[in-house]
Amino acid sequence: METNDERVFNLVKDAGDLKNAICGLYQFAYSNIISGNATSDDLGALDGLITAVQLLAKKHFDDADDYYSKMN
């Protein structure tokens, strides 16, 4: 069982990971998609990156929601 401090640390860490993932997604899209030189492999990679960011965001939201619901 996590302590309160560990839960808060993990929520903050997940938020930072999510921020960094979005920055990486933007850089990938700018370098490979917006430049107009995208291949089908690039589009597949972009789809995978978007899915990963969506899952990370959902996990973070669910964890934060659970944390705050237990505060009351």
PDB file of N, CA and C in Angstrom:
ATOM      1  N   MET A   1       0.849  -1.189   0.000  1.00  0.00           N
ATOM      2  CA  MET A   1       0.000   0.000   0.000  1.00  0.00           C
ATOM      3  C   MET A   1       0.890   1.246   0.000  1.00  0.00           C
ATOM      4  N   GLU A   2       0.571   2.164  -0.891  1.00  0.00           N
ATOM      5  CA  GLU A   2       1.342   3.403  -0.983  1.00  0.00           C
ATOM      6  C   GLU A   2       0.993   4.347   0.157  1.00  0.00           C
ATOM      7  N   THR A   3       2.002   5.067   0.612  1.00  0.00           N
ATOM      8  CA  THR A   3       1.737   6.136   1.568  1.00  0.00           C
ATOM      9  C   THR A   3       1.192   7.335   0.801  1.00  0.00           C
ATOM     10  N   ASN A   4       0.653   8.296   1.520  1.00  0.00           N
ATOM     11  CA  ASN A   4       0.135   9.507   0.885  1.00  0.00           C
ATOM     12  C   ASN A   4       1.238  10.231   0.113  1.00  0.00           C
ATOM     13  N   ASP A   5       2.419  10.333   0.709  1.00  0.00           N
ATOM     14  CA  ASP A   5       3.535  11.004   0.032  1.00  0.00           C
ATOM     15  C   ASP A   5       3.918  10.284  -1.260  1.00  0.00           C
ATOM     16  N   GLU A   6       3.900   8.959  -1.244  1.00  0.00           N
ATOM     17  CA  GLU A   6       4.224   8.195  -2.443  1.00  0.00           C
ATOM     18  C   GLU A   6       3.175   8.409  -3.530  1.00  0.00           C
ATOM     19  N   ARG A   7       1.911   8.459  -3.142  1.00  0.00           N
ATOM     20  CA  ARG A   7       0.846   8.691  -4.121  1.00  0.00           C
ATOM     21  C   ARG A   7       0.991  10.063  -4.769  1.00  0.00           C
ATOM     22  N   VAL A   8       1.250  11.083  -3.944  1.00  0.00           N
ATOM     23  CA  VAL A   8       1.423  12.439  -4.482  1.00  0.00           C
ATOM     24  C   VAL A   8       2.639  12.475  -5.401  1.00  0.00           C
ATOM     25  N   PHE A   9       3.734  11.857  -4.970  1.00  0.00           N
ATOM     26  CA  PHE A   9       4.937  11.812  -5.807  1.00  0.00           C
ATOM     27  C   PHE A   9       4.618  11.164  -7.154  1.00  0.00           C
ATOM     28  N   ASN A  10       3.920  10.034  -7.136  1.00  0.00           N
ATOM     29  CA  ASN A  10       3.591   9.334  -8.379  1.00  0.00           C
ATOM     30  C   ASN A  10       2.665  10.149  -9.268  1.00  0.00           C
ATOM     31  N   LEU A  11       1.725  10.879  -8.679  1.00  0.00           N
ATOM     32  CA  LEU A  11       0.853  11.747  -9.474  1.00  0.00           C
ATOM     33  C   LEU A  11       1.648  12.855 -10.150  1.00  0.00           C
ATOM     34  N   VAL A  12       2.569  13.462  -9.418  1.00  0.00           N
ATOM     35  CA  VAL A  12       3.398  14.525  -9.978  1.00  0.00           C
ATOM     36  C   VAL A  12       4.316  13.957 -11.059  1.00  0.00           C
ATOM     37  N   LYS A  13       4.908  12.795 -10.799  1.00  0.00           N
ATOM     38  CA  LYS A  13       5.784  12.157 -11.779  1.00  0.00           C
ATOM     39  C   LYS A  13       5.006  11.825 -13.053  1.00  0.00           C
ATOM     40  N   ASP A  14       3.809  11.265 -12.902  1.00  0.00           N
ATOM     41  CA  ASP A  14       2.995  10.948 -14.075  1.00  0.00           C
ATOM     42  C   ASP A  14       2.642  12.204 -14.868  1.00  0.00           C
ATOM     43  N   ALA A  15       2.364  13.307 -14.173  1.00  0.00           N
ATOM     44  CA  ALA A  15       2.065  14.561 -14.868  1.00  0.00           C
ATOM     45  C   ALA A  15       3.281  15.021 -15.675  1.00  0.00           C
ATOM     46  N   GLY A  16       4.460  14.907 -15.095  1.00  0.00           N
ATOM     47  CA  GLY A  16       5.684  15.262 -15.820  1.00  0.00           C
ATOM     48  C   GLY A  16       5.928  14.352 -17.005  1.00  0.00           C
ATOM     49  N   ASP A  17       5.682  13.049 -16.822  1.00  0.00           N
ATOM     50  CA  ASP A  17       5.831  12.102 -17.926  1.00  0.00           C
ATOM     51  C   ASP A  17       4.869  12.432 -19.059  1.00  0.00           C
ATOM     52  N   LEU A  18       3.656  12.792 -18.699  1.00  0.00           N
ATOM     53  CA  LEU A  18       2.655  13.150 -19.704  1.00  0.00           C
ATOM     54  C   LEU A  18       3.077  14.403 -20.464  1.00  0.00           C
ATOM     55  N   LYS A  19       3.557  15.404 -19.755  1.00  0.00           N
ATOM     56  CA  LYS A  19       4.051  16.633 -20.386  1.00  0.00           C
ATOM     57  C   LYS A  19       5.178  16.315 -21.361  1.00  0.00           C
ATOM     58  N   ASN A  20       6.131  15.484 -20.934  1.00  0.00           N
ATOM     59  CA  ASN A  20       7.260  15.130 -21.793  1.00  0.00           C
ATOM     60  C   ASN A  20       6.819  14.313 -22.999  1.00  0.00           C
ATOM     61  N   ALA A  21       5.842  13.439 -22.805  1.00  0.00           N
ATOM     62  CA  ALA A  21       5.328  12.638 -23.918  1.00  0.00           C
ATOM     63  C   ALA A  21       4.678  13.525 -24.967  1.00  0.00           C
ATOM     64  N   ILE A  22       3.953  14.534 -24.519  1.00  0.00           N
ATOM     65  CA  ILE A  22       3.312  15.458 -25.458  1.00  0.00           C
ATOM     66  C   ILE A  22       4.367  16.273 -26.205  1.00  0.00           C
ATOM     67  N   CYS A  23       5.423  16.671 -25.514  1.00  0.00           N
ATOM     68  CA  CYS A  23       6.524  17.386 -26.190  1.00  0.00           C
ATOM     69  C   CYS A  23       7.171  16.491 -27.242  1.00  0.00           C
ATOM     70  N   GLY A  24       7.403  15.233 -26.907  1.00  0.00           N
ATOM     71  CA  GLY A  24       7.978  14.290 -27.858  1.00  0.00           C
ATOM     72  C   GLY A  24       7.062  14.052 -29.046  1.00  0.00           C
ATOM     73  N   LEU A  25       5.772  13.966 -28.786  1.00  0.00           N
ATOM     74  CA  LEU A  25       4.789  13.792 -29.854  1.00  0.00           C
ATOM     75  C   LEU A  25       4.818  14.983 -30.804  1.00  0.00           C
ATOM     76  N   TYR A  26       4.870  16.175 -30.226  1.00  0.00           N
ATOM     77  CA  TYR A  26       4.932  17.385 -31.060  1.00  0.00           C
ATOM     78  C   TYR A  26       6.200  17.380 -31.920  1.00  0.00           C
ATOM     79  N   GLN A  27       7.342  17.073 -31.307  1.00  0.00           N
ATOM     80  CA  GLN A  27       8.599  17.060 -32.062  1.00  0.00           C
ATOM     81  C   GLN A  27       8.574  16.022 -33.172  1.00  0.00           C
ATOM     82  N   PHE A  28       8.023  14.840 -32.874  1.00  0.00           N
ATOM     83  CA  PHE A  28       7.922  13.805 -33.900  1.00  0.00           C
ATOM     84  C   PHE A  28       7.027  14.269 -35.044  1.00  0.00           C
ATOM     85  N   ALA A  29       5.865  14.812 -34.677  1.00  0.00           N
ATOM     86  CA  ALA A  29       4.925  15.257 -35.712  1.00  0.00           C
ATOM     87  C   ALA A  29       5.541  16.363 -36.555  1.00  0.00           C
ATOM     88  N   TYR A  30       6.207  17.306 -35.911  1.00  0.00           N
ATOM     89  CA  TYR A  30       6.814  18.416 -36.655  1.00  0.00           C
ATOM     90  C   TYR A  30       7.895  17.903 -37.598  1.00  0.00           C
ATOM     91  N   SER A  31       8.752  17.010 -37.105  1.00  0.00           N
ATOM     92  CA  SER A  31       9.867  16.516 -37.910  1.00  0.00           C
ATOM     93  C   SER A  31       9.435  15.580 -39.026  1.00  0.00           C
ATOM     94  N   ASN A  32       8.415  14.767 -38.773  1.00  0.00           N
ATOM     95  CA  ASN A  32       8.082  13.711 -39.722  1.00  0.00           C
ATOM     96  C   ASN A  32       6.787  13.923 -40.492  1.00  0.00           C
ATOM     97  N   ILE A  33       5.851  14.638 -39.935  1.00  0.00           N
ATOM     98  CA  ILE A  33       4.542  14.762 -40.571  1.00  0.00           C
ATOM     99  C   ILE A  33       4.378  16.131 -41.220  1.00  0.00           C
ATOM    100  N   ILE A  34       4.591  17.178 -40.458  1.00  0.00           N
ATOM    101  CA  ILE A  34       4.363  18.538 -40.950  1.00  0.00           C
ATOM    102  C   ILE A  34       5.325  18.886 -42.084  1.00  0.00           C
ATOM    103  N   SER A  35       6.515  18.282 -42.077  1.00  0.00           N
ATOM    104  CA  SER A  35       7.493  18.577 -43.119  1.00  0.00           C
ATOM    105  C   SER A  35       7.043  18.111 -44.500  1.00  0.00           C
ATOM    106  N   GLY A  36       6.003  17.252 -44.522  1.00  0.00           N
ATOM    107  CA  GLY A  36       5.488  16.771 -45.791  1.00  0.00           C
ATOM    108  C   GLY A  36       6.202  15.547 -46.319  1.00  0.00           C
ATOM    109  N   ASN A  37       7.099  14.989 -45.524  1.00  0.00           N
ATOM    110  CA  ASN A  37       7.853  13.818 -45.963  1.00  0.00           C
ATOM    111  C   ASN A  37       7.451  12.549 -45.216  1.00  0.00           C
ATOM    112  N   ALA A  38       6.218  12.465 -44.780  1.00  0.00           N
ATOM    113  CA  ALA A  38       5.776  11.334 -43.972  1.00  0.00           C
ATOM    114  C   ALA A  38       5.626  10.072 -44.813  1.00  0.00           C
ATOM    115  N   THR A  39       6.076   8.983 -44.233  1.00  0.00           N
ATOM    116  CA  THR A  39       5.894   7.667 -44.857  1.00  0.00           C
ATOM    117  C   THR A  39       4.777   6.936 -44.111  1.00  0.00           C
ATOM    118  N   SER A  40       4.378   5.800 -44.623  1.00  0.00           N
ATOM    119  CA  SER A  40       3.356   5.022 -43.917  1.00  0.00           C
ATOM    120  C   SER A  40       3.894   4.546 -42.566  1.00  0.00           C
ATOM    121  N   ASP A  41       5.191   4.284 -42.467  1.00  0.00           N
ATOM    122  CA  ASP A  41       5.788   3.926 -41.175  1.00  0.00           C
ATOM    123  C   ASP A  41       5.701   5.092 -40.192  1.00  0.00           C
ATOM    124  N   ASP A  42       5.916   6.308 -40.684  1.00  0.00           N
ATOM    125  CA  ASP A  42       5.794   7.497 -39.831  1.00  0.00           C
ATOM    126  C   ASP A  42       4.369   7.631 -39.296  1.00  0.00           C
ATOM    127  N   LEU A  43       3.386   7.405 -40.167  1.00  0.00           N
ATOM    128  CA  LEU A  43       1.991   7.512 -39.732  1.00  0.00           C
ATOM    129  C   LEU A  43       1.641   6.426 -38.726  1.00  0.00           C
ATOM    130  N   GLY A  44       2.179   5.233 -38.904  1.00  0.00           N
ATOM    131  CA  GLY A  44       1.976   4.162 -37.935  1.00  0.00           C
ATOM    132  C   GLY A  44       2.617   4.493 -36.595  1.00  0.00           C
ATOM    133  N   ALA A  45       3.810   5.065 -36.643  1.00  0.00           N
ATOM    134  CA  ALA A  45       4.483   5.474 -35.418  1.00  0.00           C
ATOM    135  C   ALA A  45       3.711   6.584 -34.716  1.00  0.00           C
ATOM    136  N   LEU A  46       3.189   7.520 -35.487  1.00  0.00           N
ATOM    137  CA  LEU A  46       2.390   8.600 -34.915  1.00  0.00           C
ATOM    138  C   LEU A  46       1.146   8.042 -34.231  1.00  0.00           C
ATOM    139  N   ASP A  47       0.484   7.103 -34.867  1.00  0.00           N
ATOM    140  CA  ASP A  47      -0.688   6.465 -34.266  1.00  0.00           C
ATOM    141  C   ASP A  47      -0.316   5.795 -32.945  1.00  0.00           C
ATOM    142  N   GLY A  48       0.811   5.109 -32.913  1.00  0.00           N
ATOM    143  CA  GLY A  48       1.264   4.466 -31.683  1.00  0.00           C
ATOM    144  C   GLY A  48       1.587   5.466 -30.580  1.00  0.00           C
ATOM    145  N   LEU A  49       2.219   6.570 -30.944  1.00  0.00           N
ATOM    146  CA  LEU A  49       2.531   7.610 -29.964  1.00  0.00           C
ATOM    147  C   LEU A  49       1.255   8.235 -29.399  1.00  0.00           C
ATOM    148  N   ILE A  50       0.286   8.505 -30.249  1.00  0.00           N
ATOM    149  CA  ILE A  50      -0.974   9.090 -29.790  1.00  0.00           C
ATOM    150  C   ILE A  50      -1.679   8.133 -28.837  1.00  0.00           C
ATOM    151  N   THR A  51      -1.706   6.853 -29.174  1.00  0.00           N
ATOM    152  CA  THR A  51      -2.334   5.857 -28.304  1.00  0.00           C
ATOM    153  C   THR A  51      -1.631   5.795 -26.955  1.00  0.00           C
ATOM    154  N   ALA A  52      -0.311   5.820 -26.953  1.00  0.00           N
ATOM    155  CA  ALA A  52       0.446   5.773 -25.705  1.00  0.00           C
ATOM    156  C   ALA A  52       0.157   6.992 -24.830  1.00  0.00           C
ATOM    157  N   VAL A  53       0.103   8.174 -25.436  1.00  0.00           N
ATOM    158  CA  VAL A  53      -0.189   9.394 -24.675  1.00  0.00           C
ATOM    159  C   VAL A  53      -1.616   9.338 -24.126  1.00  0.00           C
ATOM    160  N   GLN A  54      -2.560   8.851 -24.919  1.00  0.00           N
ATOM    161  CA  GLN A  54      -3.943   8.719 -24.442  1.00  0.00           C
ATOM    162  C   GLN A  54      -4.023   7.786 -23.231  1.00  0.00           C
ATOM    163  N   LEU A  55      -3.340   6.662 -23.286  1.00  0.00           N
ATOM    164  CA  LEU A  55      -3.365   5.712 -22.170  1.00  0.00           C
ATOM    165  C   LEU A  55      -2.708   6.299 -20.927  1.00  0.00           C
ATOM    166  N   LEU A  56      -1.593   7.002 -21.114  1.00  0.00           N
ATOM    167  CA  LEU A  56      -0.926   7.640 -19.984  1.00  0.00           C
ATOM    168  C   LEU A  56      -1.825   8.708 -19.367  1.00  0.00           C
ATOM    169  N   ALA A  57      -2.505   9.487 -20.206  1.00  0.00           N
ATOM    170  CA  ALA A  57      -3.409  10.522 -19.694  1.00  0.00           C
ATOM    171  C   ALA A  57      -4.580   9.909 -18.944  1.00  0.00           C
ATOM    172  N   LYS A  58      -5.139   8.822 -19.463  1.00  0.00           N
ATOM    173  CA  LYS A  58      -6.253   8.158 -18.787  1.00  0.00           C
ATOM    174  C   LYS A  58      -5.809   7.600 -17.437  1.00  0.00           C
ATOM    175  N   LYS A  59      -4.644   6.963 -17.406  1.00  0.00           N
ATOM    176  CA  LYS A  59      -4.126   6.420 -16.140  1.00  0.00           C
ATOM    177  C   LYS A  59      -3.925   7.543 -15.130  1.00  0.00           C
ATOM    178  N   HIS A  60      -3.337   8.647 -15.584  1.00  0.00           N
ATOM    179  CA  HIS A  60      -3.090   9.768 -14.683  1.00  0.00           C
ATOM    180  C   HIS A  60      -4.410  10.330 -14.150  1.00  0.00           C
ATOM    181  N   PHE A  61      -5.381  10.506 -15.031  1.00  0.00           N
ATOM    182  CA  PHE A  61      -6.677  11.019 -14.601  1.00  0.00           C
ATOM    183  C   PHE A  61      -7.323  10.075 -13.589  1.00  0.00           C
ATOM    184  N   ASP A  62      -7.321   8.780 -13.896  1.00  0.00           N
ATOM    185  CA  ASP A  62      -7.932   7.801 -12.988  1.00  0.00           C
ATOM    186  C   ASP A  62      -7.234   7.793 -11.630  1.00  0.00           C
ATOM    187  N   ASP A  63      -5.914   7.850 -11.631  1.00  0.00           N
ATOM    188  CA  ASP A  63      -5.167   7.867 -10.360  1.00  0.00           C
ATOM    189  C   ASP A  63      -5.454   9.135  -9.569  1.00  0.00           C
ATOM    190  N   ALA A  64      -5.484  10.275 -10.254  1.00  0.00           N
ATOM    191  CA  ALA A  64      -5.766  11.539  -9.559  1.00  0.00           C
ATOM    192  C   ALA A  64      -7.184  11.556  -9.027  1.00  0.00           C
ATOM    193  N   ASP A  65      -8.133  11.075  -9.819  1.00  0.00           N
ATOM    194  CA  ASP A  65      -9.528  11.010  -9.384  1.00  0.00           C
ATOM    195  C   ASP A  65      -9.671  10.111  -8.154  1.00  0.00           C
ATOM    196  N   ASP A  66      -9.002   8.973  -8.168  1.00  0.00           N
ATOM    197  CA  ASP A  66      -9.046   8.060  -7.026  1.00  0.00           C
ATOM    198  C   ASP A  66      -8.429   8.707  -5.786  1.00  0.00           C
ATOM    199  N   TYR A  67      -7.313   9.386  -5.973  1.00  0.00           N
ATOM    200  CA  TYR A  67      -6.635  10.053  -4.860  1.00  0.00           C
ATOM    201  C   TYR A  67      -7.555  11.096  -4.220  1.00  0.00           C
ATOM    202  N   TYR A  68      -8.121  11.955  -5.061  1.00  0.00           N
ATOM    203  CA  TYR A  68      -8.957  13.039  -4.534  1.00  0.00           C
ATOM    204  C   TYR A  68     -10.276  12.529  -3.965  1.00  0.00           C
ATOM    205  N   SER A  69     -10.815  11.448  -4.512  1.00  0.00           N
ATOM    206  CA  SER A  69     -12.056  10.905  -3.970  1.00  0.00           C
ATOM    207  C   SER A  69     -11.848  10.326  -2.570  1.00  0.00           C
ATOM    208  N   LYS A  70     -10.643   9.868  -2.282  1.00  0.00           N
ATOM    209  CA  LYS A  70     -10.344   9.312  -0.957  1.00  0.00           C
ATOM    210  C   LYS A  70      -9.991  10.388   0.059  1.00  0.00           C
ATOM    211  N   MET A  71      -9.839  11.628  -0.397  1.00  0.00           N
ATOM    212  CA  MET A  71      -9.535  12.728   0.522  1.00  0.00           C
ATOM    213  C   MET A  71     -10.766  13.145   1.306  1.00  0.00           C
ATOM    214  N   ASN A  72     -11.941  12.913   0.767  1.00  0.00           N
ATOM    215  CA  ASN A  72     -13.188  13.359   1.411  1.00  0.00           C
ATOM    216  C   ASN A  72     -13.719  12.332   2.355  1.00  0.00           C
TER     217      ASN A  72
END
